[in-house]
């Protein structure tokens, strides 16, 4: 731990909710950093399975402070951490991340050479992740599924940092504030940062290992929520909805129509099969595993269809039926502003 009044440059803020094993993996990886000019603010958001003992065990190796608060949501937990941070640059990780040893050395070098007040980094699958997690990682980062919006690859829209690996300066915090308690809070934050006149950059070498969900059913629920939150963002920022965001809904509708038509003429199913083959080949090239490539087809269809269904449902409910017009009031009531 640091002594005296010396302040770290980076403040790492991690919200936690019932993730004991993941927190241990995260903290263990942080002890292996080649550059330790950082403090860690671990905020337990009302967990029933607390990790205070784990934090205490690593406090002798890390500049680590642990806080416990009542459950109010991950954004409010991050904001609580921001209030207690002493660094000049805040870095946010999710508790299910593992940080490569040279992360802070790389990030410090990149900011020194080409400073940016707000950044985001990509994620990757570690060799010790499960096959399902690796398949989900492919689905979340492949151009064939997300258009490069996630994962730091070629993109179809302006880069948006994600809360599992992003950061911004104290100057940004003092002008923009913290996160709002809502789904896709990282996209909302990035939008407000840009509106305040700050630049945002993708720092590709500053990646993290992100464990993702542990089952396809949990992944389906997560991407369903992503689809719904895209409509929330449109209500907050009317110009934020782009064509790429509508593609999963189009994909879902197209698949349903093709499946119905295939009952009449079997060859209507060929576009779906062709896309599945493309996914399988791309995943095989990337992962070099027949099993993971096969799982990746399932996770990719799950992602697109679940997101598409959430998007369609929220669009009908909040826009067509006009049940989402008081979205700012709804967010403020959740104490995120």
C-alpha atoms as a PDB file:
ATOM      1  CA  UNK A   1       0.000   0.000   0.000  1.00  0.00           C
ATOM      2  CA  UNK A   2       1.093   3.599  -0.545  1.00  0.00           C
ATOM      3  CA  UNK A   3       2.355   5.535   2.427  1.00  0.00           C
ATOM      4  CA  UNK A   4       2.210   9.189   3.423  1.00  0.00           C
ATOM      5  CA  UNK A   5       0.242  11.650   1.301  1.00  0.00           C
ATOM      6  CA  UNK A   6       1.284  10.318  -2.091  1.00  0.00           C
ATOM      7  CA  UNK A   7      -1.766  10.013  -4.306  1.00  0.00           C
ATOM      8  CA  UNK A   8      -2.143   7.461  -7.111  1.00  0.00           C
ATOM      9  CA  UNK A   9      -2.752   8.626 -10.659  1.00  0.00           C
ATOM     10  CA  UNK A  10      -5.444   6.018 -11.356  1.00  0.00           C
ATOM     11  CA  UNK A  11      -8.433   5.231  -9.170  1.00  0.00           C
ATOM     12  CA  UNK A  12      -9.938   1.845 -10.060  1.00  0.00           C
ATOM     13  CA  UNK A  13     -13.637   1.651  -9.181  1.00  0.00           C
ATOM     14  CA  UNK A  14     -15.386  -1.717  -9.058  1.00  0.00           C
ATOM     15  CA  UNK A  15     -19.033  -2.271  -8.050  1.00  0.00           C
ATOM     16  CA  UNK A  16     -19.726  -5.725  -6.600  1.00  0.00           C
ATOM     17  CA  UNK A  17     -22.901  -7.687  -6.005  1.00  0.00           C
ATOM     18  CA  UNK A  18     -22.615 -11.309  -4.829  1.00  0.00           C
ATOM     19  CA  UNK A  19     -19.453 -12.068  -6.848  1.00  0.00           C
ATOM     20  CA  UNK A  20     -16.988 -13.452  -4.296  1.00  0.00           C
ATOM     21  CA  UNK A  21     -15.085 -15.783  -6.622  1.00  0.00           C
ATOM     22  CA  UNK A  22     -14.898 -13.215  -9.396  1.00  0.00           C
ATOM     23  CA  UNK A  23     -13.645 -10.519  -7.028  1.00  0.00           C
ATOM     24  CA  UNK A  24     -10.840 -12.800  -5.901  1.00  0.00           C
ATOM     25  CA  UNK A  25      -9.772 -13.414  -9.518  1.00  0.00           C
ATOM     26  CA  UNK A  26      -9.904  -9.684 -10.248  1.00  0.00           C
ATOM     27  CA  UNK A  27      -7.860  -8.679  -7.195  1.00  0.00           C
ATOM     28  CA  UNK A  28      -5.330 -11.444  -7.800  1.00  0.00           C
ATOM     29  CA  UNK A  29      -4.785 -10.135 -11.329  1.00  0.00           C
ATOM     30  CA  UNK A  30      -4.304  -6.599 -10.005  1.00  0.00           C
ATOM     31  CA  UNK A  31      -1.521  -7.761  -7.669  1.00  0.00           C
ATOM     32  CA  UNK A  32       0.396  -8.849 -10.786  1.00  0.00           C
ATOM     33  CA  UNK A  33       0.396  -5.435 -12.459  1.00  0.00           C
ATOM     34  CA  UNK A  34       3.814  -4.264 -13.631  1.00  0.00           C
ATOM     35  CA  UNK A  35       2.800  -0.659 -12.880  1.00  0.00           C
ATOM     36  CA  UNK A  36       0.993  -0.148  -9.567  1.00  0.00           C
ATOM     37  CA  UNK A  37       0.297   3.583  -9.673  1.00  0.00           C
ATOM     38  CA  UNK A  38      -3.349   2.965  -8.817  1.00  0.00           C
ATOM     39  CA  UNK A  39      -5.737   2.599  -5.923  1.00  0.00           C
ATOM     40  CA  UNK A  40      -8.766   0.301  -5.858  1.00  0.00           C
ATOM     41  CA  UNK A  41     -12.186   1.356  -4.584  1.00  0.00           C
ATOM     42  CA  UNK A  42     -14.281  -1.791  -4.110  1.00  0.00           C
ATOM     43  CA  UNK A  43     -17.946  -0.956  -3.471  1.00  0.00           C
ATOM     44  CA  UNK A  44     -20.143  -3.816  -2.286  1.00  0.00           C
ATOM     45  CA  UNK A  45     -23.698  -2.960  -3.295  1.00  0.00           C
ATOM     46  CA  UNK A  46     -25.714  -4.713  -0.593  1.00  0.00           C
ATOM     47  CA  UNK A  47     -24.452  -8.238  -1.325  1.00  0.00           C
ATOM     48  CA  UNK A  48     -25.752 -11.108   0.774  1.00  0.00           C
ATOM     49  CA  UNK A  49     -22.466 -12.917   0.087  1.00  0.00           C
ATOM     50  CA  UNK A  50     -19.997 -10.245   1.098  1.00  0.00           C
ATOM     51  CA  UNK A  51     -16.368 -10.192  -0.019  1.00  0.00           C
ATOM     52  CA  UNK A  52     -14.919  -8.035   2.739  1.00  0.00           C
ATOM     53  CA  UNK A  53     -12.654 -10.860   3.926  1.00  0.00           C
ATOM     54  CA  UNK A  54     -11.248 -11.239   0.401  1.00  0.00           C
ATOM     55  CA  UNK A  55     -10.590  -7.513   0.180  1.00  0.00           C
ATOM     56  CA  UNK A  56      -8.859  -7.599   3.575  1.00  0.00           C
ATOM     57  CA  UNK A  57      -6.648 -10.459   2.454  1.00  0.00           C
ATOM     58  CA  UNK A  58      -5.393  -8.471  -0.566  1.00  0.00           C
ATOM     59  CA  UNK A  59      -5.123  -5.117   1.203  1.00  0.00           C
ATOM     60  CA  UNK A  60      -1.514  -5.841   2.169  1.00  0.00           C
ATOM     61  CA  UNK A  61      -0.566  -6.130  -1.523  1.00  0.00           C
ATOM     62  CA  UNK A  62      -2.790  -3.446  -2.999  1.00  0.00           C
ATOM     63  CA  UNK A  63      -3.783   0.133  -2.255  1.00  0.00           C
ATOM     64  CA  UNK A  64      -7.304  -1.067  -1.621  1.00  0.00           C
ATOM     65  CA  UNK A  65     -10.328   0.400   0.137  1.00  0.00           C
ATOM     66  CA  UNK A  66     -13.503  -1.585   0.671  1.00  0.00           C
ATOM     67  CA  UNK A  67     -16.952  -0.065   1.197  1.00  0.00           C
ATOM     68  CA  UNK A  68     -20.287  -1.711   1.922  1.00  0.00           C
ATOM     69  CA  UNK A  69     -23.572   0.033   1.188  1.00  0.00           C
ATOM     70  CA  UNK A  70     -27.224  -0.852   0.784  1.00  0.00           C
ATOM     71  CA  UNK A  71     -28.299  -2.202  -2.597  1.00  0.00           C
ATOM     72  CA  UNK A  72     -29.203   0.629  -4.982  1.00  0.00           C
ATOM     73  CA  UNK A  73     -27.691  -0.470  -8.293  1.00  0.00           C
ATOM     74  CA  UNK A  74     -24.296  -0.654  -9.954  1.00  0.00           C
ATOM     75  CA  UNK A  75     -24.278   2.942 -11.207  1.00  0.00           C
ATOM     76  CA  UNK A  76     -24.928   4.350  -7.768  1.00  0.00           C
ATOM     77  CA  UNK A  77     -22.209   2.049  -6.426  1.00  0.00           C
ATOM     78  CA  UNK A  78     -19.780   3.448  -9.013  1.00  0.00           C
ATOM     79  CA  UNK A  79     -20.752   6.981  -8.045  1.00  0.00           C
ATOM     80  CA  UNK A  80     -20.139   6.124  -4.400  1.00  0.00           C
ATOM     81  CA  UNK A  81     -16.678   4.971  -5.393  1.00  0.00           C
ATOM     82  CA  UNK A  82     -16.080   8.191  -7.330  1.00  0.00           C
ATOM     83  CA  UNK A  83     -16.849  10.223  -4.226  1.00  0.00           C
ATOM     84  CA  UNK A  84     -14.099   8.380  -2.331  1.00  0.00           C
ATOM     85  CA  UNK A  85     -11.499   8.264  -5.120  1.00  0.00           C
ATOM     86  CA  UNK A  86      -8.296  10.314  -4.798  1.00  0.00           C
ATOM     87  CA  UNK A  87      -6.755   9.739  -8.236  1.00  0.00           C
ATOM     88  CA  UNK A  88      -6.679  12.064 -11.224  1.00  0.00           C
ATOM     89  CA  UNK A  89      -8.019   9.487 -13.669  1.00  0.00           C
ATOM     90  CA  UNK A  90     -10.819   7.033 -12.903  1.00  0.00           C
ATOM     91  CA  UNK A  91     -10.886   3.527 -14.385  1.00  0.00           C
ATOM     92  CA  UNK A  92     -13.965   1.304 -14.206  1.00  0.00           C
ATOM     93  CA  UNK A  93     -13.942  -2.492 -14.285  1.00  0.00           C
ATOM     94  CA  UNK A  94     -16.737  -4.972 -13.769  1.00  0.00           C
ATOM     95  CA  UNK A  95     -16.171  -7.552 -11.065  1.00  0.00           C
ATOM     96  CA  UNK A  96     -16.102 -10.368 -13.645  1.00  0.00           C
ATOM     97  CA  UNK A  97     -12.944  -9.028 -15.315  1.00  0.00           C
ATOM     98  CA  UNK A  98      -9.375 -10.270 -15.100  1.00  0.00           C
ATOM     99  CA  UNK A  99      -6.716  -7.662 -15.859  1.00  0.00           C
ATOM    100  CA  UNK A 100      -3.578  -8.525 -17.898  1.00  0.00           C
ATOM    101  CA  UNK A 101      -0.291  -7.754 -16.074  1.00  0.00           C
ATOM    102  CA  UNK A 102       0.732  -4.840 -18.333  1.00  0.00           C
ATOM    103  CA  UNK A 103      -2.669  -3.121 -18.383  1.00  0.00           C
ATOM    104  CA  UNK A 104      -1.763  -0.022 -16.344  1.00  0.00           C
ATOM    105  CA  UNK A 105       1.700   0.198 -17.842  1.00  0.00           C
ATOM    106  CA  UNK A 106       0.069   0.200 -21.284  1.00  0.00           C
ATOM    107  CA  UNK A 107      -2.678   2.627 -20.325  1.00  0.00           C
ATOM    108  CA  UNK A 108      -0.225   5.044 -18.709  1.00  0.00           C
ATOM    109  CA  UNK A 109       2.016   4.972 -21.780  1.00  0.00           C
ATOM    110  CA  UNK A 110      -0.892   5.546 -24.164  1.00  0.00           C
ATOM    111  CA  UNK A 111      -2.226   8.484 -22.164  1.00  0.00           C
ATOM    112  CA  UNK A 112       1.259   9.992 -21.890  1.00  0.00           C
ATOM    113  CA  UNK A 113       1.841   9.744 -25.647  1.00  0.00           C
ATOM    114  CA  UNK A 114      -1.634  10.790 -26.771  1.00  0.00           C
ATOM    115  CA  UNK A 115      -3.737  12.002 -23.862  1.00  0.00           C
ATOM    116  CA  UNK A 116      -7.505  11.689 -24.031  1.00  0.00           C
ATOM    117  CA  UNK A 117      -9.930  12.667 -21.242  1.00  0.00           C
ATOM    118  CA  UNK A 118     -12.114   9.591 -21.738  1.00  0.00           C
ATOM    119  CA  UNK A 119     -11.188   6.168 -23.073  1.00  0.00           C
ATOM    120  CA  UNK A 120     -12.487   2.675 -23.508  1.00  0.00           C
ATOM    121  CA  UNK A 121     -10.700  -0.591 -24.091  1.00  0.00           C
ATOM    122  CA  UNK A 122     -11.750  -3.897 -25.662  1.00  0.00           C
ATOM    123  CA  UNK A 123     -12.274  -7.226 -23.967  1.00  0.00           C
ATOM    124  CA  UNK A 124     -11.125 -10.729 -24.782  1.00  0.00           C
ATOM    125  CA  UNK A 125     -11.590 -14.316 -23.640  1.00  0.00           C
ATOM    126  CA  UNK A 126      -8.830 -15.839 -21.549  1.00  0.00           C
ATOM    127  CA  UNK A 127      -7.622 -19.369 -22.258  1.00  0.00           C
ATOM    128  CA  UNK A 128      -9.064 -20.599 -18.949  1.00  0.00           C
ATOM    129  CA  UNK A 129     -12.608 -19.390 -19.685  1.00  0.00           C
ATOM    130  CA  UNK A 130     -15.307 -21.986 -20.329  1.00  0.00           C
ATOM    131  CA  UNK A 131     -16.266 -22.873 -23.897  1.00  0.00           C
ATOM    132  CA  UNK A 132     -19.611 -21.116 -23.457  1.00  0.00           C
ATOM    133  CA  UNK A 133     -17.881 -17.939 -22.267  1.00  0.00           C
ATOM    134  CA  UNK A 134     -15.528 -18.059 -25.251  1.00  0.00           C
ATOM    135  CA  UNK A 135     -18.468 -18.541 -27.614  1.00  0.00           C
ATOM    136  CA  UNK A 136     -20.291 -15.601 -26.019  1.00  0.00           C
ATOM    137  CA  UNK A 137     -17.153 -13.500 -26.321  1.00  0.00           C
ATOM    138  CA  UNK A 138     -17.056 -14.227 -30.049  1.00  0.00           C
ATOM    139  CA  UNK A 139     -20.720 -13.307 -30.424  1.00  0.00           C
ATOM    140  CA  UNK A 140     -20.275 -10.022 -28.587  1.00  0.00           C
ATOM    141  CA  UNK A 141     -17.224  -8.907 -30.549  1.00  0.00           C
ATOM    142  CA  UNK A 142     -17.609 -10.324 -34.057  1.00  0.00           C
ATOM    143  CA  UNK A 143     -18.352  -7.985 -36.954  1.00  0.00           C
ATOM    144  CA  UNK A 144     -20.866 -10.577 -38.169  1.00  0.00           C
ATOM    145  CA  UNK A 145     -23.014 -10.103 -35.057  1.00  0.00           C
ATOM    146  CA  UNK A 146     -22.479  -6.616 -33.634  1.00  0.00           C
ATOM    147  CA  UNK A 147     -21.061  -4.750 -36.588  1.00  0.00           C
ATOM    148  CA  UNK A 148     -17.964  -4.042 -34.534  1.00  0.00           C
ATOM    149  CA  UNK A 149     -19.822  -1.854 -32.024  1.00  0.00           C
ATOM    150  CA  UNK A 150     -18.180  -3.882 -29.270  1.00  0.00           C
ATOM    151  CA  UNK A 151     -14.765  -5.452 -29.033  1.00  0.00           C
ATOM    152  CA  UNK A 152     -12.549  -2.789 -30.539  1.00  0.00           C
ATOM    153  CA  UNK A 153     -12.762  -3.938 -34.167  1.00  0.00           C
ATOM    154  CA  UNK A 154     -13.908  -2.190 -37.344  1.00  0.00           C
ATOM    155  CA  UNK A 155     -17.036  -0.288 -36.422  1.00  0.00           C
ATOM    156  CA  UNK A 156     -20.264   0.827 -38.005  1.00  0.00           C
ATOM    157  CA  UNK A 157     -20.765   3.698 -35.531  1.00  0.00           C
ATOM    158  CA  UNK A 158     -18.737   6.014 -33.302  1.00  0.00           C
ATOM    159  CA  UNK A 159     -16.863   4.171 -30.563  1.00  0.00           C
ATOM    160  CA  UNK A 160     -18.632   3.933 -27.204  1.00  0.00           C
ATOM    161  CA  UNK A 161     -16.693   2.747 -24.122  1.00  0.00           C
ATOM    162  CA  UNK A 162     -18.284   0.001 -22.023  1.00  0.00           C
ATOM    163  CA  UNK A 163     -18.280  -0.061 -18.247  1.00  0.00           C
ATOM    164  CA  UNK A 164     -16.258  -3.277 -18.022  1.00  0.00           C
ATOM    165  CA  UNK A 165     -13.211  -1.331 -19.290  1.00  0.00           C
ATOM    166  CA  UNK A 166     -13.453   2.437 -19.481  1.00  0.00           C
ATOM    167  CA  UNK A 167     -12.246   5.528 -17.720  1.00  0.00           C
ATOM    168  CA  UNK A 168     -12.253   9.296 -17.616  1.00  0.00           C
ATOM    169  CA  UNK A 169     -10.376  12.135 -15.965  1.00  0.00           C
ATOM    170  CA  UNK A 170     -11.277  14.048 -12.840  1.00  0.00           C
ATOM    171  CA  UNK A 171     -11.940  17.024 -15.107  1.00  0.00           C
ATOM    172  CA  UNK A 172     -14.623  15.039 -16.926  1.00  0.00           C
ATOM    173  CA  UNK A 173     -16.140  13.928 -13.609  1.00  0.00           C
ATOM    174  CA  UNK A 174     -16.293  17.486 -12.282  1.00  0.00           C
ATOM    175  CA  UNK A 175     -18.130  18.652 -15.414  1.00  0.00           C
ATOM    176  CA  UNK A 176     -20.249  15.631 -16.354  1.00  0.00           C
ATOM    177  CA  UNK A 177     -20.740  13.862 -13.022  1.00  0.00           C
ATOM    178  CA  UNK A 178     -21.270  10.167 -12.409  1.00  0.00           C
ATOM    179  CA  UNK A 179     -23.370   7.418 -13.942  1.00  0.00           C
ATOM    180  CA  UNK A 180     -27.147   7.388 -14.056  1.00  0.00           C
ATOM    181  CA  UNK A 181     -28.862   4.294 -12.686  1.00  0.00           C
ATOM    182  CA  UNK A 182     -30.259   2.781 -15.862  1.00  0.00           C
ATOM    183  CA  UNK A 183     -29.523   0.003 -18.303  1.00  0.00           C
ATOM    184  CA  UNK A 184     -26.778   0.911 -20.817  1.00  0.00           C
ATOM    185  CA  UNK A 185     -25.516   3.509 -18.372  1.00  0.00           C
ATOM    186  CA  UNK A 186     -22.117   3.424 -20.072  1.00  0.00           C
ATOM    187  CA  UNK A 187     -23.615   4.524 -23.394  1.00  0.00           C
ATOM    188  CA  UNK A 188     -25.496   7.298 -21.614  1.00  0.00           C
ATOM    189  CA  UNK A 189     -22.281   8.387 -19.898  1.00  0.00           C
ATOM    190  CA  UNK A 190     -20.328   8.403 -23.172  1.00  0.00           C
ATOM    191  CA  UNK A 191     -23.026  10.498 -24.803  1.00  0.00           C
ATOM    192  CA  UNK A 192     -22.919  13.063 -22.001  1.00  0.00           C
ATOM    193  CA  UNK A 193     -19.112  13.144 -22.132  1.00  0.00           C
ATOM    194  CA  UNK A 194     -19.178  13.937 -25.851  1.00  0.00           C
ATOM    195  CA  UNK A 195     -21.936  16.511 -25.407  1.00  0.00           C
ATOM    196  CA  UNK A 196     -19.734  18.235 -22.819  1.00  0.00           C
ATOM    197  CA  UNK A 197     -17.037  18.637 -25.475  1.00  0.00           C
ATOM    198  CA  UNK A 198     -14.586  15.935 -24.397  1.00  0.00           C
ATOM    199  CA  UNK A 199     -12.885  13.519 -26.773  1.00  0.00           C
ATOM    200  CA  UNK A 200     -13.219   9.743 -26.393  1.00  0.00           C
ATOM    201  CA  UNK A 201     -10.744   7.249 -27.781  1.00  0.00           C
ATOM    202  CA  UNK A 202     -10.484   3.497 -28.077  1.00  0.00           C
ATOM    203  CA  UNK A 203      -7.165   2.304 -26.627  1.00  0.00           C
ATOM    204  CA  UNK A 204      -6.873  -1.102 -28.255  1.00  0.00           C
ATOM    205  CA  UNK A 205      -3.817  -2.402 -26.322  1.00  0.00           C
ATOM    206  CA  UNK A 206      -5.525  -1.762 -22.958  1.00  0.00           C
ATOM    207  CA  UNK A 207      -7.749  -4.841 -23.010  1.00  0.00           C
ATOM    208  CA  UNK A 208      -9.233  -6.927 -20.220  1.00  0.00           C
ATOM    209  CA  UNK A 209     -10.358 -10.524 -19.988  1.00  0.00           C
ATOM    210  CA  UNK A 210     -14.122 -10.432 -19.527  1.00  0.00           C
ATOM    211  CA  UNK A 211     -15.855 -13.573 -18.293  1.00  0.00           C
ATOM    212  CA  UNK A 212     -19.271 -12.804 -19.748  1.00  0.00           C
ATOM    213  CA  UNK A 213     -22.265 -14.938 -18.780  1.00  0.00           C
ATOM    214  CA  UNK A 214     -21.882 -18.569 -17.761  1.00  0.00           C
ATOM    215  CA  UNK A 215     -24.891 -19.958 -19.648  1.00  0.00           C
ATOM    216  CA  UNK A 216     -26.797 -19.265 -22.849  1.00  0.00           C
ATOM    217  CA  UNK A 217     -30.018 -18.590 -20.906  1.00  0.00           C
ATOM    218  CA  UNK A 218     -28.318 -15.868 -18.821  1.00  0.00           C
ATOM    219  CA  UNK A 219     -26.805 -14.444 -21.997  1.00  0.00           C
ATOM    220  CA  UNK A 220     -30.258 -14.338 -23.592  1.00  0.00           C
ATOM    221  CA  UNK A 221     -31.611 -12.341 -20.653  1.00  0.00           C
ATOM    222  CA  UNK A 222     -28.690  -9.917 -20.801  1.00  0.00           C
ATOM    223  CA  UNK A 223     -29.016  -9.198 -24.520  1.00  0.00           C
ATOM    224  CA  UNK A 224     -32.814  -8.884 -24.194  1.00  0.00           C
ATOM    225  CA  UNK A 225     -32.212  -6.074 -21.697  1.00  0.00           C
ATOM    226  CA  UNK A 226     -29.676  -4.513 -24.082  1.00  0.00           C
ATOM    227  CA  UNK A 227     -32.358  -4.379 -26.766  1.00  0.00           C
ATOM    228  CA  UNK A 228     -34.864  -2.725 -24.453  1.00  0.00           C
ATOM    229  CA  UNK A 229     -32.333  -0.190 -23.214  1.00  0.00           C
ATOM    230  CA  UNK A 230     -31.598   0.964 -26.748  1.00  0.00           C
ATOM    231  CA  UNK A 231     -35.117   2.423 -26.859  1.00  0.00           C
ATOM    232  CA  UNK A 232     -34.563   4.105 -23.489  1.00  0.00           C
ATOM    233  CA  UNK A 233     -31.484   5.745 -24.979  1.00  0.00           C
ATOM    234  CA  UNK A 234     -33.483   6.909 -27.995  1.00  0.00           C
ATOM    235  CA  UNK A 235     -35.967   8.616 -25.691  1.00  0.00           C
ATOM    236  CA  UNK A 236     -33.106  10.347 -23.887  1.00  0.00           C
ATOM    237  CA  UNK A 237     -31.194  11.176 -27.064  1.00  0.00           C
ATOM    238  CA  UNK A 238     -33.539  11.151 -30.097  1.00  0.00           C
ATOM    239  CA  UNK A 239     -30.663  11.205 -32.604  1.00  0.00           C
ATOM    240  CA  UNK A 240     -28.826   8.295 -30.982  1.00  0.00           C
ATOM    241  CA  UNK A 241     -30.702   5.491 -32.731  1.00  0.00           C
ATOM    242  CA  UNK A 242     -28.795   4.350 -35.831  1.00  0.00           C
ATOM    243  CA  UNK A 243     -29.589   1.789 -38.491  1.00  0.00           C
ATOM    244  CA  UNK A 244     -27.087  -0.666 -36.999  1.00  0.00           C
ATOM    245  CA  UNK A 245     -29.092  -0.750 -33.761  1.00  0.00           C
ATOM    246  CA  UNK A 246     -32.186  -1.922 -35.643  1.00  0.00           C
ATOM    247  CA  UNK A 247     -30.463  -4.816 -37.398  1.00  0.00           C
ATOM    248  CA  UNK A 248     -31.144  -7.458 -34.696  1.00  0.00           C
ATOM    249  CA  UNK A 249     -34.871  -6.652 -34.857  1.00  0.00           C
ATOM    250  CA  UNK A 250     -34.771  -6.943 -38.646  1.00  0.00           C
ATOM    251  CA  UNK A 251     -32.826 -10.175 -38.279  1.00  0.00           C
ATOM    252  CA  UNK A 252     -35.414 -11.638 -35.898  1.00  0.00           C
ATOM    253  CA  UNK A 253     -38.348 -10.683 -38.113  1.00  0.00           C
ATOM    254  CA  UNK A 254     -36.528 -11.997 -41.180  1.00  0.00           C
ATOM    255  CA  UNK A 255     -35.760 -15.338 -39.518  1.00  0.00           C
ATOM    256  CA  UNK A 256     -39.372 -15.794 -38.455  1.00  0.00           C
ATOM    257  CA  UNK A 257     -40.628 -15.019 -41.959  1.00  0.00           C
ATOM    258  CA  UNK A 258     -38.091 -17.317 -43.612  1.00  0.00           C
ATOM    259  CA  UNK A 259     -38.938 -20.167 -41.239  1.00  0.00           C
ATOM    260  CA  UNK A 260     -42.631 -19.751 -41.979  1.00  0.00           C
ATOM    261  CA  UNK A 261     -41.993 -19.610 -45.730  1.00  0.00           C
ATOM    262  CA  UNK A 262     -39.794 -22.700 -45.499  1.00  0.00           C
ATOM    263  CA  UNK A 263     -42.904 -24.642 -44.530  1.00  0.00           C
ATOM    264  CA  UNK A 264     -44.090 -23.892 -48.058  1.00  0.00           C
ATOM    265  CA  UNK A 265     -40.776 -24.045 -49.953  1.00  0.00           C
ATOM    266  CA  UNK A 266     -37.854 -25.598 -48.084  1.00  0.00           C
ATOM    267  CA  UNK A 267     -35.206 -23.452 -49.765  1.00  0.00           C
ATOM    268  CA  UNK A 268     -36.404 -20.325 -47.932  1.00  0.00           C
ATOM    269  CA  UNK A 269     -34.340 -21.582 -44.995  1.00  0.00           C
ATOM    270  CA  UNK A 270     -31.115 -21.390 -47.000  1.00  0.00           C
ATOM    271  CA  UNK A 271     -30.232 -17.757 -46.009  1.00  0.00           C
ATOM    272  CA  UNK A 272     -30.396 -18.743 -42.335  1.00  0.00           C
ATOM    273  CA  UNK A 273     -28.220 -21.783 -42.937  1.00  0.00           C
ATOM    274  CA  UNK A 274     -25.736 -19.727 -44.963  1.00  0.00           C
ATOM    275  CA  UNK A 275     -25.421 -17.198 -42.151  1.00  0.00           C
ATOM    276  CA  UNK A 276     -24.921 -20.013 -39.634  1.00  0.00           C
ATOM    277  CA  UNK A 277     -22.112 -21.436 -41.784  1.00  0.00           C
ATOM    278  CA  UNK A 278     -20.472 -17.992 -42.005  1.00  0.00           C
ATOM    279  CA  UNK A 279     -20.619 -17.650 -38.226  1.00  0.00           C
ATOM    280  CA  UNK A 280     -19.210 -21.129 -37.717  1.00  0.00           C
ATOM    281  CA  UNK A 281     -16.305 -20.538 -40.085  1.00  0.00           C
ATOM    282  CA  UNK A 282     -15.466 -17.148 -38.568  1.00  0.00           C
ATOM    283  CA  UNK A 283     -15.587 -18.569 -35.051  1.00  0.00           C
ATOM    284  CA  UNK A 284     -13.466 -21.554 -36.055  1.00  0.00           C
ATOM    285  CA  UNK A 285     -10.799 -19.271 -37.525  1.00  0.00           C
ATOM    286  CA  UNK A 286     -10.780 -17.111 -34.405  1.00  0.00           C
ATOM    287  CA  UNK A 287     -10.990 -19.817 -31.719  1.00  0.00           C
ATOM    288  CA  UNK A 288      -9.532 -22.857 -33.547  1.00  0.00           C
ATOM    289  CA  UNK A 289     -12.073 -25.047 -31.790  1.00  0.00           C
ATOM    290  CA  UNK A 290     -14.888 -27.005 -33.473  1.00  0.00           C
ATOM    291  CA  UNK A 291     -16.841 -27.098 -30.217  1.00  0.00           C
ATOM    292  CA  UNK A 292     -16.578 -23.376 -29.534  1.00  0.00           C
ATOM    293  CA  UNK A 293     -17.410 -22.574 -33.160  1.00  0.00           C
ATOM    294  CA  UNK A 294     -20.572 -24.669 -32.894  1.00  0.00           C
ATOM    295  CA  UNK A 295     -21.511 -23.019 -29.602  1.00  0.00           C
ATOM    296  CA  UNK A 296     -20.811 -19.635 -31.177  1.00  0.00           C
ATOM    297  CA  UNK A 297     -23.550 -20.233 -33.753  1.00  0.00           C
ATOM    298  CA  UNK A 298     -26.017 -20.839 -30.911  1.00  0.00           C
ATOM    299  CA  UNK A 299     -24.852 -17.829 -28.883  1.00  0.00           C
ATOM    300  CA  UNK A 300     -24.885 -15.568 -31.932  1.00  0.00           C
ATOM    301  CA  UNK A 301     -28.466 -16.450 -32.840  1.00  0.00           C
ATOM    302  CA  UNK A 302     -29.405 -16.099 -29.168  1.00  0.00           C
ATOM    303  CA  UNK A 303     -27.821 -12.669 -29.004  1.00  0.00           C
ATOM    304  CA  UNK A 304     -29.451 -11.310 -32.138  1.00  0.00           C
ATOM    305  CA  UNK A 305     -32.893 -12.751 -31.475  1.00  0.00           C
ATOM    306  CA  UNK A 306     -32.985 -11.794 -27.777  1.00  0.00           C
ATOM    307  CA  UNK A 307     -31.749  -8.280 -28.478  1.00  0.00           C
ATOM    308  CA  UNK A 308     -34.186  -7.979 -31.379  1.00  0.00           C
ATOM    309  CA  UNK A 309     -37.122  -9.098 -29.256  1.00  0.00           C
ATOM    310  CA  UNK A 310     -36.243  -6.670 -26.457  1.00  0.00           C
ATOM    311  CA  UNK A 311     -35.879  -3.868 -28.993  1.00  0.00           C
ATOM    312  CA  UNK A 312     -39.233  -4.617 -30.657  1.00  0.00           C
ATOM    313  CA  UNK A 313     -41.076  -4.989 -27.357  1.00  0.00           C
ATOM    314  CA  UNK A 314     -39.678  -1.734 -25.955  1.00  0.00           C
ATOM    315  CA  UNK A 315     -40.327   0.126 -29.231  1.00  0.00           C
ATOM    316  CA  UNK A 316     -43.982  -0.901 -29.229  1.00  0.00           C
ATOM    317  CA  UNK A 317     -44.483  -0.216 -25.517  1.00  0.00           C
ATOM    318  CA  UNK A 318     -42.494   2.985 -25.079  1.00  0.00           C
ATOM    319  CA  UNK A 319     -42.797   4.658 -28.475  1.00  0.00           C
ATOM    320  CA  UNK A 320     -45.890   3.386 -30.288  1.00  0.00           C
ATOM    321  CA  UNK A 321     -47.981   3.108 -27.108  1.00  0.00           C
ATOM    322  CA  UNK A 322     -46.219   6.134 -25.555  1.00  0.00           C
ATOM    323  CA  UNK A 323     -45.443   4.603 -22.161  1.00  0.00           C
ATOM    324  CA  UNK A 324     -41.877   5.866 -22.144  1.00  0.00           C
ATOM    325  CA  UNK A 325     -42.169   9.634 -22.456  1.00  0.00           C
ATOM    326  CA  UNK A 326     -41.226  10.412 -18.843  1.00  0.00           C
ATOM    327  CA  UNK A 327     -37.906   8.618 -19.088  1.00  0.00           C
ATOM    328  CA  UNK A 328     -35.883  11.397 -17.422  1.00  0.00           C
ATOM    329  CA  UNK A 329     -38.255  11.413 -14.470  1.00  0.00           C
ATOM    330  CA  UNK A 330     -38.001   7.611 -14.270  1.00  0.00           C
ATOM    331  CA  UNK A 331     -34.201   7.762 -14.178  1.00  0.00           C
ATOM    332  CA  UNK A 332     -34.172  10.510 -11.563  1.00  0.00           C
ATOM    333  CA  UNK A 333     -36.466   8.450  -9.344  1.00  0.00           C
ATOM    334  CA  UNK A 334     -33.848   5.668  -9.440  1.00  0.00           C
ATOM    335  CA  UNK A 335     -31.383   8.120  -7.808  1.00  0.00           C
ATOM    336  CA  UNK A 336     -28.913   8.017 -10.644  1.00  0.00           C
ATOM    337  CA  UNK A 337     -28.780  11.659 -11.606  1.00  0.00           C
END
